PDB file of all heavy atoms in Angstrom:
ATOM      1  N   LEU A   1      -9.822 -30.731 -44.883  1.00  0.00           N
ATOM      2  CA  LEU A   1      -8.499 -30.221 -44.559  1.00  0.00           C
ATOM      3  C   LEU A   1      -7.810 -31.039 -43.439  1.00  0.00           C
ATOM      4  O   LEU A   1      -6.652 -31.319 -43.521  1.00  0.00           O
ATOM      5  CB  LEU A   1      -8.637 -28.750 -44.073  1.00  0.00           C
ATOM      6  CG  LEU A   1      -7.372 -28.046 -43.524  1.00  0.00           C
ATOM      7  CD1 LEU A   1      -6.222 -28.091 -44.583  1.00  0.00           C
ATOM      8  CD2 LEU A   1      -7.616 -26.627 -43.118  1.00  0.00           C
ATOM      9  N   ASN A   2      -8.578 -31.439 -42.436  1.00  0.00           N
ATOM     10  CA  ASN A   2      -8.020 -32.263 -41.349  1.00  0.00           C
ATOM     11  C   ASN A   2      -7.364 -33.508 -41.845  1.00  0.00           C
ATOM     12  O   ASN A   2      -6.271 -33.834 -41.498  1.00  0.00           O
ATOM     13  CB  ASN A   2      -9.106 -32.559 -40.329  1.00  0.00           C
ATOM     14  CG  ASN A   2      -8.778 -32.047 -38.942  1.00  0.00           C
ATOM     15  OD1 ASN A   2      -7.806 -31.256 -38.788  1.00  0.00           O
ATOM     16  ND2 ASN A   2      -9.517 -32.459 -37.929  1.00  0.00           N
ATOM     17  N   GLU A   3      -8.096 -34.239 -42.727  1.00  0.00           N
ATOM     18  CA  GLU A   3      -7.580 -35.504 -43.215  1.00  0.00           C
ATOM     19  C   GLU A   3      -6.363 -35.258 -44.100  1.00  0.00           C
ATOM     20  O   GLU A   3      -5.359 -35.987 -43.976  1.00  0.00           O
ATOM     21  CB  GLU A   3      -8.697 -36.213 -44.069  1.00  0.00           C
ATOM     22  CG  GLU A   3      -9.831 -36.771 -43.287  1.00  0.00           C
ATOM     23  CD  GLU A   3     -10.925 -35.775 -42.954  1.00  0.00           C
ATOM     24  OE1 GLU A   3     -10.709 -34.559 -43.221  1.00  0.00           O
ATOM     25  OE2 GLU A   3     -11.993 -36.189 -42.470  1.00  0.00           O
ATOM     26  N   TYR A   4      -6.412 -34.207 -44.911  1.00  0.00           N
ATOM     27  CA  TYR A   4      -5.287 -33.943 -45.805  1.00  0.00           C
ATOM     28  C   TYR A   4      -4.057 -33.575 -44.980  1.00  0.00           C
ATOM     29  O   TYR A   4      -2.937 -34.088 -45.268  1.00  0.00           O
ATOM     30  CB  TYR A   4      -5.633 -32.800 -46.762  1.00  0.00           C
ATOM     31  CG  TYR A   4      -4.522 -32.494 -47.759  1.00  0.00           C
ATOM     32  CD1 TYR A   4      -4.536 -33.151 -48.993  1.00  0.00           C
ATOM     33  CD2 TYR A   4      -3.565 -31.534 -47.494  1.00  0.00           C
ATOM     34  CE1 TYR A   4      -3.515 -32.885 -49.914  1.00  0.00           C
ATOM     35  CE2 TYR A   4      -2.563 -31.272 -48.397  1.00  0.00           C
ATOM     36  CZ  TYR A   4      -2.567 -31.942 -49.593  1.00  0.00           C
ATOM     37  OH  TYR A   4      -1.570 -31.673 -50.540  1.00  0.00           O
ATOM     38  N   TYR A   5      -4.202 -32.739 -43.999  1.00  0.00           N
ATOM     39  CA  TYR A   5      -3.117 -32.291 -43.209  1.00  0.00           C
ATOM     40  C   TYR A   5      -2.485 -33.469 -42.416  1.00  0.00           C
ATOM     41  O   TYR A   5      -1.240 -33.661 -42.443  1.00  0.00           O
ATOM     42  CB  TYR A   5      -3.536 -31.194 -42.211  1.00  0.00           C
ATOM     43  CG  TYR A   5      -2.534 -30.781 -41.220  1.00  0.00           C
ATOM     44  CD1 TYR A   5      -1.564 -29.826 -41.576  1.00  0.00           C
ATOM     45  CD2 TYR A   5      -2.467 -31.288 -39.927  1.00  0.00           C
ATOM     46  CE1 TYR A   5      -0.645 -29.409 -40.627  1.00  0.00           C
ATOM     47  CE2 TYR A   5      -1.531 -30.894 -39.027  1.00  0.00           C
ATOM     48  CZ  TYR A   5      -0.614 -29.932 -39.373  1.00  0.00           C
ATOM     49  OH  TYR A   5       0.325 -29.546 -38.462  1.00  0.00           O
ATOM     50  N   LEU A   6      -3.342 -34.265 -41.776  1.00  0.00           N
ATOM     51  CA  LEU A   6      -2.827 -35.374 -41.031  1.00  0.00           C
ATOM     52  C   LEU A   6      -2.116 -36.390 -41.869  1.00  0.00           C
ATOM     53  O   LEU A   6      -0.994 -36.861 -41.555  1.00  0.00           O
ATOM     54  CB  LEU A   6      -3.972 -36.043 -40.298  1.00  0.00           C
ATOM     55  CG  LEU A   6      -3.633 -37.288 -39.463  1.00  0.00           C
ATOM     56  CD1 LEU A   6      -2.750 -36.894 -38.276  1.00  0.00           C
ATOM     57  CD2 LEU A   6      -4.875 -38.005 -38.914  1.00  0.00           C
ATOM     58  N   LEU A   7      -2.674 -36.729 -42.993  1.00  0.00           N
ATOM     59  CA  LEU A   7      -2.080 -37.764 -43.894  1.00  0.00           C
ATOM     60  C   LEU A   7      -0.753 -37.254 -44.473  1.00  0.00           C
ATOM     61  O   LEU A   7       0.184 -37.996 -44.592  1.00  0.00           O
ATOM     62  CB  LEU A   7      -3.081 -38.155 -44.990  1.00  0.00           C
ATOM     63  CG  LEU A   7      -2.610 -39.280 -45.884  1.00  0.00           C
ATOM     64  CD1 LEU A   7      -2.296 -40.562 -45.098  1.00  0.00           C
ATOM     65  CD2 LEU A   7      -3.665 -39.609 -46.968  1.00  0.00           C
ATOM     66  N   SER A   8      -0.684 -35.989 -44.861  1.00  0.00           N
ATOM     67  CA  SER A   8       0.525 -35.474 -45.423  1.00  0.00           C
ATOM     68  C   SER A   8       1.653 -35.471 -44.372  1.00  0.00           C
ATOM     69  O   SER A   8       2.781 -35.777 -44.698  1.00  0.00           O
ATOM     70  CB  SER A   8       0.298 -34.033 -45.984  1.00  0.00           C
ATOM     71  OG  SER A   8      -0.055 -33.152 -44.916  1.00  0.00           O
ATOM     72  N   MET A   9       1.348 -35.128 -43.089  1.00  0.00           N
ATOM     73  CA  MET A   9       2.322 -35.208 -42.052  1.00  0.00           C
ATOM     74  C   MET A   9       2.812 -36.624 -41.803  1.00  0.00           C
ATOM     75  O   MET A   9       3.979 -36.906 -41.592  1.00  0.00           O
ATOM     76  CB  MET A   9       1.816 -34.578 -40.760  1.00  0.00           C
ATOM     77  CG  MET A   9       1.635 -33.039 -40.870  1.00  0.00           C
ATOM     78  SD  MET A   9       3.246 -32.211 -41.093  1.00  0.00           S
ATOM     79  CE  MET A   9       2.711 -30.505 -41.302  1.00  0.00           C
ATOM     80  N   ILE A  10       1.862 -37.561 -41.779  1.00  0.00           N
ATOM     81  CA  ILE A  10       2.232 -38.964 -41.549  1.00  0.00           C
ATOM     82  C   ILE A  10       3.074 -39.490 -42.667  1.00  0.00           C
ATOM     83  O   ILE A  10       4.020 -40.265 -42.444  1.00  0.00           O
ATOM     84  CB  ILE A  10       0.960 -39.807 -41.329  1.00  0.00           C
ATOM     85  CG1 ILE A  10       0.292 -39.435 -39.952  1.00  0.00           C
ATOM     86  CG2 ILE A  10       1.281 -41.303 -41.376  1.00  0.00           C
ATOM     87  CD1 ILE A  10      -0.977 -40.183 -39.700  1.00  0.00           C
ATOM     88  N   ILE A  11       2.743 -39.117 -43.887  1.00  0.00           N
ATOM     89  CA  ILE A  11       3.583 -39.527 -45.039  1.00  0.00           C
ATOM     90  C   ILE A  11       4.991 -39.012 -44.898  1.00  0.00           C
ATOM     91  O   ILE A  11       5.983 -39.725 -45.098  1.00  0.00           O
ATOM     92  CB  ILE A  11       2.955 -39.031 -46.368  1.00  0.00           C
ATOM     93  CG1 ILE A  11       1.710 -39.837 -46.667  1.00  0.00           C
ATOM     94  CG2 ILE A  11       3.979 -39.162 -47.498  1.00  0.00           C
ATOM     95  CD1 ILE A  11       0.950 -39.339 -47.913  1.00  0.00           C
ATOM     96  N   GLY A  12       5.170 -37.716 -44.456  1.00  0.00           N
ATOM     97  CA  GLY A  12       6.456 -37.203 -44.220  1.00  0.00           C
ATOM     98  C   GLY A  12       7.217 -37.931 -43.148  1.00  0.00           C
ATOM     99  O   GLY A  12       8.425 -38.218 -43.265  1.00  0.00           O
ATOM    100  N   LEU A  13       6.522 -38.296 -42.059  1.00  0.00           N
ATOM    101  CA  LEU A  13       7.101 -39.071 -40.989  1.00  0.00           C
ATOM    102  C   LEU A  13       7.580 -40.441 -41.460  1.00  0.00           C
ATOM    103  O   LEU A  13       8.702 -40.871 -41.158  1.00  0.00           O
ATOM    104  CB  LEU A  13       6.140 -39.210 -39.805  1.00  0.00           C
ATOM    105  CG  LEU A  13       6.517 -40.148 -38.679  1.00  0.00           C
ATOM    106  CD1 LEU A  13       7.770 -39.633 -37.986  1.00  0.00           C
ATOM    107  CD2 LEU A  13       5.394 -40.329 -37.677  1.00  0.00           C
ATOM    108  N   VAL A  14       6.743 -41.135 -42.216  1.00  0.00           N
ATOM    109  CA  VAL A  14       7.070 -42.472 -42.676  1.00  0.00           C
ATOM    110  C   VAL A  14       8.217 -42.446 -43.650  1.00  0.00           C
ATOM    111  O   VAL A  14       9.098 -43.258 -43.651  1.00  0.00           O
ATOM    112  CB  VAL A  14       5.799 -43.149 -43.298  1.00  0.00           C
ATOM    113  CG1 VAL A  14       6.210 -44.455 -43.984  1.00  0.00           C
ATOM    114  CG2 VAL A  14       4.736 -43.362 -42.226  1.00  0.00           C
ATOM    115  N   LYS A  15       8.211 -41.429 -44.550  1.00  0.00           N
ATOM    116  CA  LYS A  15       9.372 -41.317 -45.475  1.00  0.00           C
ATOM    117  C   LYS A  15      10.667 -41.102 -44.737  1.00  0.00           C
ATOM    118  O   LYS A  15      11.704 -41.661 -45.149  1.00  0.00           O
ATOM    119  CB  LYS A  15       9.109 -40.152 -46.431  1.00  0.00           C
ATOM    120  CG  LYS A  15       8.084 -40.406 -47.551  1.00  0.00           C
ATOM    121  CD  LYS A  15       8.017 -39.230 -48.507  1.00  0.00           C
ATOM    122  CE  LYS A  15       7.144 -39.563 -49.676  1.00  0.00           C
ATOM    123  NZ  LYS A  15       7.034 -38.380 -50.649  1.00  0.00           N
ATOM    124  N   THR A  16      10.615 -40.277 -43.706  1.00  0.00           N
ATOM    125  CA  THR A  16      11.814 -40.096 -42.909  1.00  0.00           C
ATOM    126  C   THR A  16      12.230 -41.327 -42.173  1.00  0.00           C
ATOM    127  O   THR A  16      13.418 -41.610 -41.969  1.00  0.00           O
ATOM    128  CB  THR A  16      11.567 -38.930 -41.874  1.00  0.00           C
ATOM    129  OG1 THR A  16      11.246 -37.751 -42.622  1.00  0.00           O
ATOM    130  CG2 THR A  16      12.826 -38.668 -41.026  1.00  0.00           C
ATOM    131  N   LYS A  17      11.244 -42.108 -41.776  1.00  0.00           N
ATOM    132  CA  LYS A  17      11.543 -43.381 -41.116  1.00  0.00           C
ATOM    133  C   LYS A  17      12.233 -44.363 -42.012  1.00  0.00           C
ATOM    134  O   LYS A  17      13.177 -45.058 -41.627  1.00  0.00           O
ATOM    135  CB  LYS A  17      10.212 -44.026 -40.636  1.00  0.00           C
ATOM    136  CG  LYS A  17      10.356 -45.068 -39.507  1.00  0.00           C
ATOM    137  CD  LYS A  17      10.538 -44.425 -38.193  1.00  0.00           C
ATOM    138  CE  LYS A  17      10.449 -45.465 -37.093  1.00  0.00           C
ATOM    139  NZ  LYS A  17      10.684 -44.848 -35.796  1.00  0.00           N
ATOM    140  N   ILE A  18      11.819 -44.370 -43.299  1.00  0.00           N
ATOM    141  CA  ILE A  18      12.438 -45.266 -44.237  1.00  0.00           C
ATOM    142  C   ILE A  18      13.852 -44.774 -44.590  1.00  0.00           C
ATOM    143  O   ILE A  18      14.805 -45.562 -44.670  1.00  0.00           O
ATOM    144  CB  ILE A  18      11.568 -45.352 -45.532  1.00  0.00           C
ATOM    145  CG1 ILE A  18      10.259 -45.974 -45.216  1.00  0.00           C
ATOM    146  CG2 ILE A  18      12.292 -46.104 -46.619  1.00  0.00           C
ATOM    147  CD1 ILE A  18       9.300 -46.002 -46.372  1.00  0.00           C
ATOM    148  N   SER A  19      13.952 -43.441 -44.844  1.00  0.00           N
ATOM    149  CA  SER A  19      15.260 -42.885 -45.275  1.00  0.00           C
ATOM    150  C   SER A  19      15.513 -41.596 -44.508  1.00  0.00           C
ATOM    151  O   SER A  19      15.101 -40.484 -44.873  1.00  0.00           O
ATOM    152  CB  SER A  19      15.165 -42.580 -46.796  1.00  0.00           C
ATOM    153  OG  SER A  19      16.367 -41.970 -47.213  1.00  0.00           O
ATOM    154  N   PRO A  20      16.200 -41.721 -43.340  1.00  0.00           N
ATOM    155  CA  PRO A  20      16.532 -40.546 -42.507  1.00  0.00           C
ATOM    156  C   PRO A  20      17.273 -39.461 -43.262  1.00  0.00           C
ATOM    157  O   PRO A  20      17.190 -38.301 -42.913  1.00  0.00           O
ATOM    158  CB  PRO A  20      17.347 -41.117 -41.397  1.00  0.00           C
ATOM    159  CG  PRO A  20      16.927 -42.571 -41.304  1.00  0.00           C
ATOM    160  CD  PRO A  20      16.698 -42.976 -42.742  1.00  0.00           C
ATOM    161  N   ALA A  21      18.031 -39.846 -44.268  1.00  0.00           N
ATOM    162  CA  ALA A  21      18.804 -38.835 -44.968  1.00  0.00           C
ATOM    163  C   ALA A  21      17.934 -37.817 -45.733  1.00  0.00           C
ATOM    164  O   ALA A  21      18.427 -36.737 -46.082  1.00  0.00           O
ATOM    165  CB  ALA A  21      19.755 -39.516 -45.957  1.00  0.00           C
ATOM    166  N   THR A  22      16.715 -38.184 -46.004  1.00  0.00           N
ATOM    167  CA  THR A  22      15.844 -37.258 -46.788  1.00  0.00           C
ATOM    168  C   THR A  22      14.955 -36.464 -45.824  1.00  0.00           C
ATOM    169  O   THR A  22      13.874 -35.952 -46.277  1.00  0.00           O
ATOM    170  CB  THR A  22      14.943 -38.115 -47.730  1.00  0.00           C
ATOM    171  OG1 THR A  22      14.127 -39.010 -46.981  1.00  0.00           O
ATOM    172  CG2 THR A  22      15.813 -38.912 -48.713  1.00  0.00           C
ATOM    173  N   ARG A  23      15.279 -36.381 -44.570  1.00  0.00           N
ATOM    174  CA  ARG A  23      14.401 -35.738 -43.609  1.00  0.00           C
ATOM    175  C   ARG A  23      14.066 -34.300 -43.969  1.00  0.00           C
ATOM    176  O   ARG A  23      12.907 -33.880 -43.939  1.00  0.00           O
ATOM    177  CB  ARG A  23      15.078 -35.744 -42.210  1.00  0.00           C
ATOM    178  CG  ARG A  23      14.126 -35.209 -41.135  1.00  0.00           C
ATOM    179  CD  ARG A  23      14.799 -35.210 -39.751  1.00  0.00           C
ATOM    180  NE  ARG A  23      15.773 -34.119 -39.711  1.00  0.00           N
ATOM    181  CZ  ARG A  23      16.439 -33.796 -38.552  1.00  0.00           C
ATOM    182  NH1 ARG A  23      16.263 -34.499 -37.456  1.00  0.00           N
ATOM    183  NH2 ARG A  23      17.323 -32.792 -38.575  1.00  0.00           N
ATOM    184  N   SER A  24      15.043 -33.528 -44.400  1.00  0.00           N
ATOM    185  CA  SER A  24      14.841 -32.113 -44.726  1.00  0.00           C
ATOM    186  C   SER A  24      13.851 -31.941 -45.888  1.00  0.00           C
ATOM    187  O   SER A  24      12.923 -31.127 -45.816  1.00  0.00           O
ATOM    188  CB  SER A  24      16.176 -31.429 -45.045  1.00  0.00           C
ATOM    189  OG  SER A  24      15.970 -30.108 -45.381  1.00  0.00           O
ATOM    190  N   SER A  25      14.026 -32.736 -46.964  1.00  0.00           N
ATOM    191  CA  SER A  25      13.136 -32.613 -48.086  1.00  0.00           C
ATOM    192  C   SER A  25      11.723 -33.113 -47.756  1.00  0.00           C
ATOM    193  O   SER A  25      10.751 -32.558 -48.242  1.00  0.00           O
ATOM    194  CB  SER A  25      13.693 -33.404 -49.278  1.00  0.00           C
ATOM    195  OG  SER A  25      13.839 -34.789 -48.951  1.00  0.00           O
ATOM    196  N   ASN A  26      11.631 -34.107 -46.896  1.00  0.00           N
ATOM    197  CA  ASN A  26      10.335 -34.625 -46.480  1.00  0.00           C
ATOM    198  C   ASN A  26       9.573 -33.521 -45.676  1.00  0.00           C
ATOM    199  O   ASN A  26       8.352 -33.350 -45.841  1.00  0.00           O
ATOM    200  CB  ASN A  26      10.461 -35.870 -45.622  1.00  0.00           C
ATOM    201  CG  ASN A  26      11.070 -37.043 -46.413  1.00  0.00           C
ATOM    202  OD1 ASN A  26      10.926 -37.097 -47.641  1.00  0.00           O
ATOM    203  ND2 ASN A  26      11.725 -37.936 -45.713  1.00  0.00           N
ATOM    204  N   ASP A  27      10.317 -32.872 -44.753  1.00  0.00           N
ATOM    205  CA  ASP A  27       9.674 -31.803 -43.974  1.00  0.00           C
ATOM    206  C   ASP A  27       9.203 -30.716 -44.870  1.00  0.00           C
ATOM    207  O   ASP A  27       8.029 -30.220 -44.700  1.00  0.00           O
ATOM    208  CB  ASP A  27      10.687 -31.241 -42.970  1.00  0.00           C
ATOM    209  CG  ASP A  27      11.108 -32.270 -41.933  1.00  0.00           C
ATOM    210  OD1 ASP A  27      10.534 -33.413 -41.929  1.00  0.00           O
ATOM    211  OD2 ASP A  27      11.980 -31.975 -41.113  1.00  0.00           O
ATOM    212  N   THR A  28       9.984 -30.321 -45.821  1.00  0.00           N
ATOM    213  CA  THR A  28       9.607 -29.238 -46.731  1.00  0.00           C
ATOM    214  C   THR A  28       8.383 -29.601 -47.573  1.00  0.00           C
ATOM    215  O   THR A  28       7.471 -28.825 -47.772  1.00  0.00           O
ATOM    216  CB  THR A  28      10.740 -28.840 -47.622  1.00  0.00           C
ATOM    217  OG1 THR A  28      11.892 -28.476 -46.839  1.00  0.00           O
ATOM    218  CG2 THR A  28      10.399 -27.725 -48.580  1.00  0.00           C
ATOM    219  N   GLU A  29       8.372 -30.851 -48.013  1.00  0.00           N
ATOM    220  CA  GLU A  29       7.242 -31.316 -48.845  1.00  0.00           C
ATOM    221  C   GLU A  29       5.954 -31.297 -48.007  1.00  0.00           C
ATOM    222  O   GLU A  29       4.892 -30.848 -48.502  1.00  0.00           O
ATOM    223  CB  GLU A  29       7.537 -32.703 -49.379  1.00  0.00           C
ATOM    224  CG  GLU A  29       6.434 -33.263 -50.266  1.00  0.00           C
ATOM    225  CD  GLU A  29       6.786 -34.696 -50.738  1.00  0.00           C
ATOM    226  OE1 GLU A  29       7.198 -35.514 -49.892  1.00  0.00           O
ATOM    227  OE2 GLU A  29       6.554 -34.961 -51.939  1.00  0.00           O
ATOM    228  N   ALA A  30       5.946 -31.810 -46.765  1.00  0.00           N
ATOM    229  CA  ALA A  30       4.811 -31.838 -45.933  1.00  0.00           C
ATOM    230  C   ALA A  30       4.304 -30.400 -45.631  1.00  0.00           C
ATOM    231  O   ALA A  30       3.097 -30.154 -45.637  1.00  0.00           O
ATOM    232  CB  ALA A  30       5.080 -32.593 -44.633  1.00  0.00           C
ATOM    233  N   ALA A  31       5.253 -29.510 -45.365  1.00  0.00           N
ATOM    234  CA  ALA A  31       4.865 -28.127 -45.040  1.00  0.00           C
ATOM    235  C   ALA A  31       4.247 -27.444 -46.245  1.00  0.00           C
ATOM    236  O   ALA A  31       3.213 -26.770 -46.119  1.00  0.00           O
ATOM    237  CB  ALA A  31       6.078 -27.388 -44.553  1.00  0.00           C
ATOM    238  N   ASN A  32       4.863 -27.661 -47.411  1.00  0.00           N
ATOM    239  CA  ASN A  32       4.355 -26.989 -48.627  1.00  0.00           C
ATOM    240  C   ASN A  32       2.939 -27.492 -48.976  1.00  0.00           C
ATOM    241  O   ASN A  32       2.100 -26.708 -49.435  1.00  0.00           O
ATOM    242  CB  ASN A  32       5.294 -27.241 -49.807  1.00  0.00           C
ATOM    243  CG  ASN A  32       6.595 -26.482 -49.690  1.00  0.00           C
ATOM    244  OD1 ASN A  32       6.668 -25.493 -48.945  1.00  0.00           O
ATOM    245  ND2 ASN A  32       7.589 -26.886 -50.358  1.00  0.00           N
ATOM    246  N   ARG A  33       2.693 -28.753 -48.742  1.00  0.00           N
ATOM    247  CA  ARG A  33       1.364 -29.311 -49.008  1.00  0.00           C
ATOM    248  C   ARG A  33       0.355 -28.635 -48.131  1.00  0.00           C
ATOM    249  O   ARG A  33      -0.765 -28.207 -48.572  1.00  0.00           O
ATOM    250  CB  ARG A  33       1.363 -30.810 -48.827  1.00  0.00           C
ATOM    251  CG  ARG A  33       1.982 -31.602 -49.897  1.00  0.00           C
ATOM    252  CD  ARG A  33       2.151 -33.079 -49.578  1.00  0.00           C
ATOM    253  NE  ARG A  33       2.506 -33.861 -50.745  1.00  0.00           N
ATOM    254  CZ  ARG A  33       2.942 -35.109 -50.674  1.00  0.00           C
ATOM    255  NH1 ARG A  33       3.083 -35.718 -49.453  1.00  0.00           N
ATOM    256  NH2 ARG A  33       3.245 -35.792 -51.802  1.00  0.00           N
ATOM    257  N   ALA A  34       0.592 -28.540 -46.829  1.00  0.00           N
ATOM    258  CA  ALA A  34      -0.309 -27.907 -45.912  1.00  0.00           C
ATOM    259  C   ALA A  34      -0.557 -26.420 -46.228  1.00  0.00           C
ATOM    260  O   ALA A  34      -1.679 -25.954 -46.214  1.00  0.00           O
ATOM    261  CB  ALA A  34       0.187 -28.042 -44.475  1.00  0.00           C
ATOM    262  N   ILE A  35       0.556 -25.715 -46.577  1.00  0.00           N
ATOM    263  CA  ILE A  35       0.414 -24.299 -46.896  1.00  0.00           C
ATOM    264  C   ILE A  35      -0.385 -24.113 -48.161  1.00  0.00           C
ATOM    265  O   ILE A  35      -1.260 -23.211 -48.246  1.00  0.00           O
ATOM    266  CB  ILE A  35       1.825 -23.669 -47.055  1.00  0.00           C
ATOM    267  CG1 ILE A  35       2.559 -23.689 -45.688  1.00  0.00           C
ATOM    268  CG2 ILE A  35       1.747 -22.290 -47.604  1.00  0.00           C
ATOM    269  CD1 ILE A  35       4.016 -23.329 -45.780  1.00  0.00           C
ATOM    270  N   GLN A  36      -0.178 -24.967 -49.170  1.00  0.00           N
ATOM    271  CA  GLN A  36      -0.869 -24.809 -50.452  1.00  0.00           C
ATOM    272  C   GLN A  36      -2.389 -24.994 -50.260  1.00  0.00           C
ATOM    273  O   GLN A  36      -3.189 -24.212 -50.779  1.00  0.00           O
ATOM    274  CB  GLN A  36      -0.344 -25.848 -51.429  1.00  0.00           C
ATOM    275  CG  GLN A  36      -1.056 -25.808 -52.829  1.00  0.00           C
ATOM    276  CD  GLN A  36      -0.613 -26.917 -53.721  1.00  0.00           C
ATOM    277  OE1 GLN A  36       0.025 -27.876 -53.283  1.00  0.00           O
ATOM    278  NE2 GLN A  36      -0.984 -26.822 -55.017  1.00  0.00           N
ATOM    279  N   VAL A  37      -2.801 -26.014 -49.516  1.00  0.00           N
ATOM    280  CA  VAL A  37      -4.235 -26.288 -49.340  1.00  0.00           C
ATOM    281  C   VAL A  37      -4.848 -25.208 -48.472  1.00  0.00           C
ATOM    282  O   VAL A  37      -5.972 -24.761 -48.760  1.00  0.00           O
ATOM    283  CB  VAL A  37      -4.397 -27.702 -48.714  1.00  0.00           C
ATOM    284  CG1 VAL A  37      -5.849 -27.878 -48.293  1.00  0.00           C
ATOM    285  CG2 VAL A  37      -4.010 -28.793 -49.697  1.00  0.00           C
ATOM    286  N   CYS A  38      -4.196 -24.773 -47.437  1.00  0.00           N
ATOM    287  CA  CYS A  38      -4.728 -23.730 -46.603  1.00  0.00           C
ATOM    288  C   CYS A  38      -4.933 -22.421 -47.403  1.00  0.00           C
ATOM    289  O   CYS A  38      -5.932 -21.701 -47.226  1.00  0.00           O
ATOM    290  CB  CYS A  38      -3.876 -23.465 -45.387  1.00  0.00           C
ATOM    291  SG  CYS A  38      -3.960 -24.738 -44.130  1.00  0.00           S
ATOM    292  N   THR A  39      -3.959 -22.114 -48.231  1.00  0.00           N
ATOM    293  CA  THR A  39      -4.031 -20.886 -49.049  1.00  0.00           C
ATOM    294  C   THR A  39      -5.220 -20.997 -50.002  1.00  0.00           C
ATOM    295  O   THR A  39      -5.979 -20.029 -50.215  1.00  0.00           O
ATOM    296  CB  THR A  39      -2.740 -20.702 -49.847  1.00  0.00           C
ATOM    297  OG1 THR A  39      -1.626 -20.583 -48.915  1.00  0.00           O
ATOM    298  CG2 THR A  39      -2.814 -19.414 -50.664  1.00  0.00           C
ATOM    299  N   PHE A  40      -5.418 -22.201 -50.590  1.00  0.00           N
ATOM    300  CA  PHE A  40      -6.574 -22.388 -51.476  1.00  0.00           C
ATOM    301  C   PHE A  40      -7.875 -22.126 -50.740  1.00  0.00           C
ATOM    302  O   PHE A  40      -8.779 -21.490 -51.234  1.00  0.00           O
ATOM    303  CB  PHE A  40      -6.502 -23.784 -52.127  1.00  0.00           C
ATOM    304  CG  PHE A  40      -7.797 -24.163 -52.712  1.00  0.00           C
ATOM    305  CD1 PHE A  40      -8.239 -23.667 -53.918  1.00  0.00           C
ATOM    306  CD2 PHE A  40      -8.680 -25.023 -52.045  1.00  0.00           C
ATOM    307  CE1 PHE A  40      -9.480 -24.015 -54.501  1.00  0.00           C
ATOM    308  CE2 PHE A  40      -9.895 -25.413 -52.560  1.00  0.00           C
ATOM    309  CZ  PHE A  40     -10.290 -24.904 -53.783  1.00  0.00           C
ATOM    310  N   LEU A  41      -7.988 -22.822 -49.593  1.00  0.00           N
ATOM    311  CA  LEU A  41      -9.248 -22.692 -48.815  1.00  0.00           C
ATOM    312  C   LEU A  41      -9.528 -21.258 -48.422  1.00  0.00           C
ATOM    313  O   LEU A  41     -10.685 -20.792 -48.468  1.00  0.00           O
ATOM    314  CB  LEU A  41      -9.195 -23.579 -47.571  1.00  0.00           C
ATOM    315  CG  LEU A  41      -9.459 -25.087 -47.789  1.00  0.00           C
ATOM    316  CD1 LEU A  41      -9.268 -25.833 -46.470  1.00  0.00           C
ATOM    317  CD2 LEU A  41     -10.845 -25.312 -48.325  1.00  0.00           C
ATOM    318  N   HIS A  42      -8.496 -20.543 -48.058  1.00  0.00           N
ATOM    319  CA  HIS A  42      -8.682 -19.141 -47.673  1.00  0.00           C
ATOM    320  C   HIS A  42      -9.227 -18.340 -48.911  1.00  0.00           C
ATOM    321  O   HIS A  42     -10.209 -17.554 -48.733  1.00  0.00           O
ATOM    322  CB  HIS A  42      -7.357 -18.523 -47.207  1.00  0.00           C
ATOM    323  CG  HIS A  42      -7.424 -17.047 -46.940  1.00  0.00           C
ATOM    324  ND1 HIS A  42      -8.179 -16.494 -45.970  1.00  0.00           N
ATOM    325  CD2 HIS A  42      -6.814 -16.024 -47.592  1.00  0.00           C
ATOM    326  CE1 HIS A  42      -8.073 -15.175 -45.995  1.00  0.00           C
ATOM    327  NE2 HIS A  42      -7.207 -14.854 -46.946  1.00  0.00           N
ATOM    328  N   THR A  43      -8.625 -18.544 -50.035  1.00  0.00           N
ATOM    329  CA  THR A  43      -9.110 -17.843 -51.252  1.00  0.00           C
ATOM    330  C   THR A  43     -10.502 -18.268 -51.666  1.00  0.00           C
ATOM    331  O   THR A  43     -11.345 -17.441 -52.017  1.00  0.00           O
ATOM    332  CB  THR A  43      -8.117 -18.083 -52.399  1.00  0.00           C
ATOM    333  OG1 THR A  43      -6.795 -17.699 -51.992  1.00  0.00           O
ATOM    334  CG2 THR A  43      -8.486 -17.290 -53.619  1.00  0.00           C
ATOM    335  N   ALA A  44     -10.762 -19.606 -51.603  1.00  0.00           N
ATOM    336  CA  ALA A  44     -12.084 -20.111 -52.048  1.00  0.00           C
ATOM    337  C   ALA A  44     -13.178 -19.620 -51.162  1.00  0.00           C
ATOM    338  O   ALA A  44     -14.259 -19.225 -51.667  1.00  0.00           O
ATOM    339  CB  ALA A  44     -11.990 -21.647 -52.083  1.00  0.00           C
ATOM    340  N   ARG A  45     -12.995 -19.661 -49.880  1.00  0.00           N
ATOM    341  CA  ARG A  45     -14.012 -19.221 -48.982  1.00  0.00           C
ATOM    342  C   ARG A  45     -14.260 -17.724 -49.026  1.00  0.00           C
ATOM    343  O   ARG A  45     -15.386 -17.247 -48.838  1.00  0.00           O
ATOM    344  CB  ARG A  45     -13.700 -19.662 -47.535  1.00  0.00           C
ATOM    345  CG  ARG A  45     -13.810 -21.168 -47.369  1.00  0.00           C
ATOM    346  CD  ARG A  45     -13.408 -21.679 -46.011  1.00  0.00           C
ATOM    347  NE  ARG A  45     -13.662 -23.074 -45.911  1.00  0.00           N
ATOM    348  CZ  ARG A  45     -13.231 -23.846 -44.921  1.00  0.00           C
ATOM    349  NH1 ARG A  45     -12.520 -23.309 -43.956  1.00  0.00           N
ATOM    350  NH2 ARG A  45     -13.496 -25.125 -44.880  1.00  0.00           N
TER     351      ARG A  45
END
């Protein structure tokens, strides 16, 4: 989880760095990824 969360956030940051106009969609994508994986882990455990 730590690796997935960190890399997804860094990907969102880098995408925003390349294209600031897509900041909102990048933020949403990073957040949804973290939420999806956390929800899965909660259910699986």
